[in-house]
Amino acid sequence: MSATLLKRRRGVAAKRAVGRARRHFRVRKNVSGTTERPRLVVTRSLRHIVAQIVDDTKGHTLASASTMDASLRGAEGDKSALAGKVGALLAERAKAAGVSKVVFDRGGNRYAGRVAALAAAAREAGLEF
């Protein structure tokens, strides 16, 4: 979101969006992925969660997983449990791609709930960050 668009928004939901955008800019200013330590990007919507491992030097996605994947589409559990399954699946795919160390990019989301569940499951499955 651009700075001018942030200034135009009004209301409680707008304040929440502005805060998220500010956190996102602050996080992305300091976090970038390299070939040795690519970036683990978390994108969260109301219904789904998507995680990707990105090499920013080349601009390539090395591995990805989401709740929209065919293997997780019919999975049981609440959204936090599904986020944990996404984290474990992503770690498995990252190992297959030869990635063991990553830099975590929460993307302006607070490190709680589904984002924390995904991170914890990825760590348990062997990703280091």
N, C-alpha and C. Protein backbone atom coordinates (compact mmCIF):
# COMPACT_ATOMS: atom_id res chain seq x y z
N MET A 1 0.83 -1.17 0.00
CA MET A 1 0.00 0.00 0.00
C MET A 1 0.88 1.24 0.00
N SER A 2 0.53 2.17 -0.82
CA SER A 2 1.32 3.39 -0.86
C SER A 2 0.98 4.29 0.32
N ALA A 3 1.87 5.23 0.60
CA ALA A 3 1.67 6.13 1.74
C ALA A 3 0.44 7.01 1.56
N THR A 4 0.18 7.45 0.32
CA THR A 4 -1.00 8.31 0.09
C THR A 4 -2.29 7.54 0.30
N LEU A 5 -2.31 6.28 -0.10
CA LEU A 5 -3.50 5.46 0.11
C LEU A 5 -3.73 5.23 1.60
N LEU A 6 -2.65 5.08 2.35
CA LEU A 6 -2.78 4.88 3.78
C LEU A 6 -3.40 6.09 4.46
N LYS A 7 -3.08 7.28 3.98
CA LYS A 7 -3.61 8.50 4.59
C LYS A 7 -5.09 8.68 4.31
N ARG A 8 -5.59 8.15 3.21
CA ARG A 8 -6.98 8.35 2.81
C ARG A 8 -7.96 7.47 3.57
N ARG A 9 -7.51 6.36 4.11
CA ARG A 9 -8.41 5.43 4.78
C ARG A 9 -8.92 6.00 6.09
N ARG A 10 -10.14 5.62 6.46
CA ARG A 10 -10.77 6.10 7.68
C ARG A 10 -11.37 4.91 8.45
N GLY A 11 -11.62 5.09 9.73
CA GLY A 11 -12.33 4.10 10.51
C GLY A 11 -11.42 3.10 11.21
N VAL A 12 -12.05 2.21 11.98
CA VAL A 12 -11.32 1.24 12.78
C VAL A 12 -10.61 0.23 11.90
N ALA A 13 -11.30 -0.31 10.90
CA ALA A 13 -10.68 -1.27 9.99
C ALA A 13 -9.52 -0.63 9.24
N ALA A 14 -9.66 0.64 8.93
CA ALA A 14 -8.59 1.35 8.24
C ALA A 14 -7.37 1.50 9.13
N LYS A 15 -7.59 1.78 10.42
CA LYS A 15 -6.46 1.87 11.35
C LYS A 15 -5.72 0.55 11.43
N ARG A 16 -6.47 -0.53 11.42
CA ARG A 16 -5.87 -1.85 11.47
C ARG A 16 -5.04 -2.10 10.21
N ALA A 17 -5.58 -1.72 9.05
CA ALA A 17 -4.87 -1.90 7.79
C ALA A 17 -3.63 -1.02 7.73
N VAL A 18 -3.73 0.19 8.23
CA VAL A 18 -2.58 1.10 8.25
C VAL A 18 -1.49 0.54 9.16
N GLY A 19 -1.87 0.04 10.32
CA GLY A 19 -0.89 -0.55 11.24
C GLY A 19 -0.20 -1.75 10.63
N ARG A 20 -0.97 -2.60 9.94
CA ARG A 20 -0.38 -3.76 9.29
C ARG A 20 0.59 -3.34 8.20
N ALA A 21 0.22 -2.34 7.41
CA ALA A 21 1.09 -1.87 6.33
C ALA A 21 2.37 -1.28 6.90
N ARG A 22 2.27 -0.53 7.99
CA ARG A 22 3.48 0.02 8.62
C ARG A 22 4.39 -1.09 9.12
N ARG A 23 3.81 -2.11 9.77
CA ARG A 23 4.62 -3.24 10.23
C ARG A 23 5.27 -3.93 9.05
N HIS A 24 4.51 -4.09 7.96
CA HIS A 24 5.04 -4.75 6.77
C HIS A 24 6.24 -3.98 6.21
N PHE A 25 6.12 -2.67 6.07
CA PHE A 25 7.24 -1.87 5.57
C PHE A 25 8.44 -1.97 6.50
N ARG A 26 8.19 -1.95 7.81
CA ARG A 26 9.28 -2.01 8.79
C ARG A 26 9.99 -3.36 8.73
N VAL A 27 9.24 -4.45 8.58
CA VAL A 27 9.83 -5.78 8.52
C VAL A 27 10.60 -5.96 7.22
N ARG A 28 10.00 -5.58 6.10
CA ARG A 28 10.64 -5.79 4.80
C ARG A 28 11.88 -4.93 4.60
N LYS A 29 11.98 -3.83 5.34
CA LYS A 29 13.16 -2.97 5.25
C LYS A 29 14.40 -3.73 5.73
N ASN A 30 14.23 -4.64 6.68
CA ASN A 30 15.36 -5.33 7.30
C ASN A 30 15.51 -6.79 6.89
N VAL A 31 14.52 -7.36 6.24
CA VAL A 31 14.53 -8.79 5.92
C VAL A 31 14.65 -8.99 4.42
N SER A 32 15.68 -9.73 4.01
CA SER A 32 15.78 -10.12 2.61
C SER A 32 16.42 -11.50 2.55
N GLY A 33 16.02 -12.27 1.57
CA GLY A 33 16.51 -13.62 1.44
C GLY A 33 17.70 -13.69 0.50
N THR A 34 18.62 -14.59 0.82
CA THR A 34 19.79 -14.82 -0.03
C THR A 34 19.73 -16.25 -0.53
N THR A 35 20.72 -16.63 -1.32
CA THR A 35 20.77 -18.00 -1.81
C THR A 35 21.02 -18.97 -0.66
N GLU A 36 21.87 -18.57 0.30
CA GLU A 36 22.18 -19.43 1.44
C GLU A 36 21.03 -19.48 2.44
N ARG A 37 20.38 -18.33 2.67
CA ARG A 37 19.25 -18.24 3.61
C ARG A 37 18.09 -17.54 2.93
N PRO A 38 17.26 -18.28 2.21
CA PRO A 38 16.10 -17.64 1.56
C PRO A 38 15.07 -17.18 2.58
N ARG A 39 14.11 -16.42 2.11
CA ARG A 39 13.09 -15.80 2.96
C ARG A 39 11.84 -16.66 2.99
N LEU A 40 11.34 -16.95 4.20
CA LEU A 40 10.08 -17.67 4.36
C LEU A 40 8.99 -16.61 4.52
N VAL A 41 8.15 -16.48 3.52
CA VAL A 41 7.11 -15.44 3.47
C VAL A 41 5.78 -16.05 3.90
N VAL A 42 5.09 -15.38 4.83
CA VAL A 42 3.78 -15.83 5.27
C VAL A 42 2.74 -14.82 4.82
N THR A 43 1.73 -15.29 4.10
CA THR A 43 0.62 -14.46 3.66
C THR A 43 -0.65 -15.04 4.27
N ARG A 44 -1.41 -14.20 4.96
CA ARG A 44 -2.57 -14.67 5.70
C ARG A 44 -3.81 -13.94 5.22
N SER A 45 -4.87 -14.70 4.98
CA SER A 45 -6.17 -14.10 4.68
C SER A 45 -7.15 -14.58 5.74
N LEU A 46 -8.39 -14.19 5.62
CA LEU A 46 -9.37 -14.63 6.62
C LEU A 46 -9.61 -16.13 6.57
N ARG A 47 -9.48 -16.74 5.40
CA ARG A 47 -9.80 -18.15 5.24
C ARG A 47 -8.56 -19.03 5.07
N HIS A 48 -7.52 -18.52 4.42
CA HIS A 48 -6.36 -19.34 4.07
C HIS A 48 -5.07 -18.75 4.60
N ILE A 49 -4.01 -19.58 4.55
CA ILE A 49 -2.66 -19.12 4.86
C ILE A 49 -1.73 -19.73 3.81
N VAL A 50 -0.81 -18.91 3.32
CA VAL A 50 0.12 -19.32 2.27
C VAL A 50 1.52 -19.06 2.78
N ALA A 51 2.43 -20.00 2.55
CA ALA A 51 3.83 -19.81 2.93
C ALA A 51 4.70 -20.16 1.73
N GLN A 52 5.69 -19.32 1.47
CA GLN A 52 6.61 -19.54 0.36
C GLN A 52 8.04 -19.34 0.84
N ILE A 53 8.96 -20.04 0.22
CA ILE A 53 10.38 -19.80 0.46
C ILE A 53 10.93 -19.19 -0.81
N VAL A 54 11.44 -17.94 -0.68
CA VAL A 54 11.82 -17.13 -1.84
C VAL A 54 13.29 -16.76 -1.76
N ASP A 55 14.00 -16.93 -2.88
CA ASP A 55 15.36 -16.44 -3.03
C ASP A 55 15.27 -15.07 -3.67
N ASP A 56 15.51 -14.01 -2.90
CA ASP A 56 15.33 -12.65 -3.39
C ASP A 56 16.41 -12.23 -4.39
N THR A 57 17.58 -12.87 -4.36
CA THR A 57 18.62 -12.49 -5.31
C THR A 57 18.23 -12.87 -6.73
N LYS A 58 17.55 -14.00 -6.88
CA LYS A 58 17.10 -14.45 -8.20
C LYS A 58 15.63 -14.15 -8.46
N GLY A 59 14.88 -13.92 -7.39
CA GLY A 59 13.45 -13.69 -7.54
C GLY A 59 12.66 -14.96 -7.80
N HIS A 60 13.17 -16.09 -7.30
CA HIS A 60 12.52 -17.38 -7.53
C HIS A 60 11.88 -17.91 -6.25
N THR A 61 10.75 -18.58 -6.41
CA THR A 61 10.13 -19.30 -5.30
C THR A 61 10.68 -20.71 -5.30
N LEU A 62 11.30 -21.11 -4.19
CA LEU A 62 11.93 -22.42 -4.11
C LEU A 62 10.96 -23.50 -3.63
N ALA A 63 10.04 -23.13 -2.75
CA ALA A 63 9.05 -24.08 -2.23
C ALA A 63 7.85 -23.28 -1.74
N SER A 64 6.68 -23.91 -1.78
CA SER A 64 5.48 -23.23 -1.28
C SER A 64 4.49 -24.26 -0.76
N ALA A 65 3.63 -23.80 0.13
CA ALA A 65 2.55 -24.64 0.66
C ALA A 65 1.44 -23.71 1.12
N SER A 66 0.21 -24.20 1.05
CA SER A 66 -0.92 -23.40 1.51
C SER A 66 -2.08 -24.30 1.88
N THR A 67 -3.08 -23.71 2.50
CA THR A 67 -4.28 -24.46 2.85
C THR A 67 -5.11 -24.76 1.60
N MET A 68 -4.75 -24.17 0.47
CA MET A 68 -5.45 -24.43 -0.78
C MET A 68 -4.86 -25.61 -1.55
N ASP A 69 -3.75 -26.18 -1.05
CA ASP A 69 -3.15 -27.34 -1.70
C ASP A 69 -4.11 -28.52 -1.65
N ALA A 70 -4.01 -29.37 -2.65
CA ALA A 70 -4.92 -30.52 -2.74
C ALA A 70 -4.76 -31.45 -1.54
N SER A 71 -3.53 -31.59 -1.02
CA SER A 71 -3.30 -32.49 0.10
C SER A 71 -3.88 -31.97 1.41
N LEU A 72 -4.10 -30.66 1.51
CA LEU A 72 -4.64 -30.07 2.75
C LEU A 72 -6.07 -29.58 2.62
N ARG A 73 -6.64 -29.66 1.44
CA ARG A 73 -7.96 -29.07 1.22
C ARG A 73 -9.04 -29.72 2.09
N GLY A 74 -9.00 -31.01 2.28
CA GLY A 74 -10.02 -31.68 3.08
C GLY A 74 -9.58 -31.96 4.50
N ALA A 75 -8.51 -31.32 4.95
CA ALA A 75 -7.96 -31.60 6.28
C ALA A 75 -8.90 -31.08 7.37
N GLU A 76 -8.90 -31.80 8.48
CA GLU A 76 -9.75 -31.44 9.62
C GLU A 76 -8.98 -30.54 10.58
N GLY A 77 -9.71 -29.74 11.33
CA GLY A 77 -9.10 -28.91 12.36
C GLY A 77 -9.43 -27.44 12.18
N ASP A 78 -9.07 -26.66 13.20
CA ASP A 78 -9.30 -25.22 13.11
C ASP A 78 -8.19 -24.57 12.27
N LYS A 79 -8.26 -23.26 12.10
CA LYS A 79 -7.32 -22.57 11.22
C LYS A 79 -5.89 -22.63 11.74
N SER A 80 -5.71 -22.62 13.06
CA SER A 80 -4.36 -22.71 13.62
C SER A 80 -3.76 -24.09 13.38
N ALA A 81 -4.57 -25.12 13.51
CA ALA A 81 -4.09 -26.48 13.25
C ALA A 81 -3.72 -26.64 11.79
N LEU A 82 -4.52 -26.09 10.89
CA LEU A 82 -4.20 -26.15 9.47
C LEU A 82 -2.94 -25.36 9.15
N ALA A 83 -2.73 -24.24 9.83
CA ALA A 83 -1.50 -23.47 9.63
C ALA A 83 -0.29 -24.29 10.04
N GLY A 84 -0.41 -25.07 11.11
CA GLY A 84 0.67 -25.96 11.52
C GLY A 84 0.96 -27.01 10.47
N LYS A 85 -0.09 -27.55 9.86
CA LYS A 85 0.11 -28.53 8.79
C LYS A 85 0.79 -27.90 7.59
N VAL A 86 0.45 -26.65 7.29
CA VAL A 86 1.09 -25.93 6.19
C VAL A 86 2.58 -25.75 6.48
N GLY A 87 2.92 -25.40 7.73
CA GLY A 87 4.32 -25.23 8.11
C GLY A 87 5.11 -26.52 7.98
N ALA A 88 4.52 -27.64 8.41
CA ALA A 88 5.20 -28.93 8.29
C ALA A 88 5.38 -29.32 6.83
N LEU A 89 4.35 -29.10 6.01
CA LEU A 89 4.44 -29.42 4.59
C LEU A 89 5.48 -28.56 3.90
N LEU A 90 5.54 -27.29 4.25
CA LEU A 90 6.53 -26.39 3.66
C LEU A 90 7.94 -26.83 4.03
N ALA A 91 8.16 -27.21 5.28
CA ALA A 91 9.49 -27.66 5.70
C ALA A 91 9.90 -28.92 4.94
N GLU A 92 8.95 -29.81 4.72
CA GLU A 92 9.22 -31.03 3.96
C GLU A 92 9.62 -30.69 2.52
N ARG A 93 8.89 -29.78 1.90
CA ARG A 93 9.19 -29.37 0.52
C ARG A 93 10.50 -28.58 0.45
N ALA A 94 10.81 -27.82 1.49
CA ALA A 94 12.06 -27.07 1.52
C ALA A 94 13.25 -28.01 1.60
N LYS A 95 13.14 -29.05 2.41
CA LYS A 95 14.22 -30.03 2.50
C LYS A 95 14.44 -30.71 1.16
N ALA A 96 13.35 -31.01 0.46
CA ALA A 96 13.46 -31.62 -0.87
C ALA A 96 14.15 -30.68 -1.86
N ALA A 97 13.99 -29.36 -1.66
CA ALA A 97 14.63 -28.37 -2.52
C ALA A 97 16.04 -28.04 -2.06
N GLY A 98 16.49 -28.62 -0.94
CA GLY A 98 17.84 -28.39 -0.45
C GLY A 98 17.98 -27.16 0.43
N VAL A 99 16.90 -26.74 1.07
CA VAL A 99 16.93 -25.55 1.94
C VAL A 99 16.76 -26.01 3.38
N SER A 100 17.67 -25.58 4.27
CA SER A 100 17.54 -25.93 5.69
C SER A 100 17.48 -24.70 6.59
N LYS A 101 18.05 -23.56 6.14
CA LYS A 101 18.03 -22.33 6.93
C LYS A 101 17.29 -21.25 6.16
N VAL A 102 16.40 -20.54 6.85
CA VAL A 102 15.61 -19.48 6.22
C VAL A 102 15.58 -18.25 7.12
N VAL A 103 15.12 -17.13 6.55
CA VAL A 103 14.84 -15.91 7.29
C VAL A 103 13.32 -15.76 7.31
N PHE A 104 12.75 -15.56 8.50
CA PHE A 104 11.29 -15.52 8.63
C PHE A 104 10.76 -14.13 8.34
N ASP A 105 9.81 -14.03 7.41
CA ASP A 105 9.17 -12.76 7.06
C ASP A 105 7.68 -12.90 7.36
N ARG A 106 7.25 -12.31 8.46
CA ARG A 106 5.84 -12.42 8.87
C ARG A 106 4.95 -11.48 8.09
N GLY A 107 5.53 -10.60 7.30
CA GLY A 107 4.79 -9.77 6.37
C GLY A 107 3.81 -8.80 7.00
N GLY A 108 4.14 -8.21 8.13
CA GLY A 108 3.24 -7.26 8.75
C GLY A 108 2.22 -7.89 9.67
N ASN A 109 2.12 -9.21 9.66
CA ASN A 109 1.21 -9.89 10.57
C ASN A 109 1.87 -10.01 11.94
N ARG A 110 1.08 -9.97 12.99
CA ARG A 110 1.62 -10.16 14.32
C ARG A 110 2.06 -11.60 14.48
N TYR A 111 3.13 -11.81 15.25
CA TYR A 111 3.63 -13.16 15.48
C TYR A 111 2.79 -13.81 16.58
N ALA A 112 1.62 -14.26 16.20
CA ALA A 112 0.69 -14.89 17.13
C ALA A 112 -0.28 -15.72 16.31
N GLY A 113 -0.99 -16.61 16.97
CA GLY A 113 -2.04 -17.38 16.30
C GLY A 113 -1.53 -18.25 15.17
N ARG A 114 -2.12 -18.06 13.99
CA ARG A 114 -1.79 -18.90 12.84
C ARG A 114 -0.36 -18.72 12.37
N VAL A 115 0.16 -17.49 12.43
CA VAL A 115 1.53 -17.23 11.99
C VAL A 115 2.51 -17.95 12.91
N ALA A 116 2.28 -17.88 14.22
CA ALA A 116 3.14 -18.56 15.18
C ALA A 116 3.02 -20.08 15.06
N ALA A 117 1.82 -20.59 14.79
CA ALA A 117 1.62 -22.03 14.63
C ALA A 117 2.37 -22.54 13.41
N LEU A 118 2.33 -21.79 12.31
CA LEU A 118 3.06 -22.17 11.10
C LEU A 118 4.56 -22.18 11.38
N ALA A 119 5.07 -21.15 12.05
CA ALA A 119 6.50 -21.06 12.35
C ALA A 119 6.95 -22.20 13.26
N ALA A 120 6.16 -22.51 14.29
CA ALA A 120 6.52 -23.58 15.22
C ALA A 120 6.55 -24.93 14.52
N ALA A 121 5.58 -25.19 13.66
CA ALA A 121 5.55 -26.47 12.94
C ALA A 121 6.71 -26.57 11.96
N ALA A 122 7.07 -25.47 11.31
CA ALA A 122 8.20 -25.49 10.38
C ALA A 122 9.50 -25.75 11.13
N ARG A 123 9.64 -25.16 12.32
CA ARG A 123 10.84 -25.41 13.14
C ARG A 123 10.91 -26.87 13.58
N GLU A 124 9.77 -27.41 14.03
CA GLU A 124 9.74 -28.81 14.47
C GLU A 124 10.08 -29.76 13.34
N ALA A 125 9.70 -29.39 12.11
CA ALA A 125 9.96 -30.25 10.95
C ALA A 125 11.38 -30.09 10.43
N GLY A 126 12.18 -29.17 11.01
CA GLY A 126 13.59 -29.11 10.65
C GLY A 126 14.10 -27.83 10.03
N LEU A 127 13.25 -26.85 9.77
CA LEU A 127 13.75 -25.58 9.24
C LEU A 127 14.37 -24.77 10.38
N GLU A 128 15.48 -24.10 10.09
CA GLU A 128 16.15 -23.28 11.10
C GLU A 128 15.93 -21.81 10.80
N PHE A 129 15.41 -21.09 11.79
CA PHE A 129 15.28 -19.63 11.73
C PHE A 129 15.04 -19.09 13.11
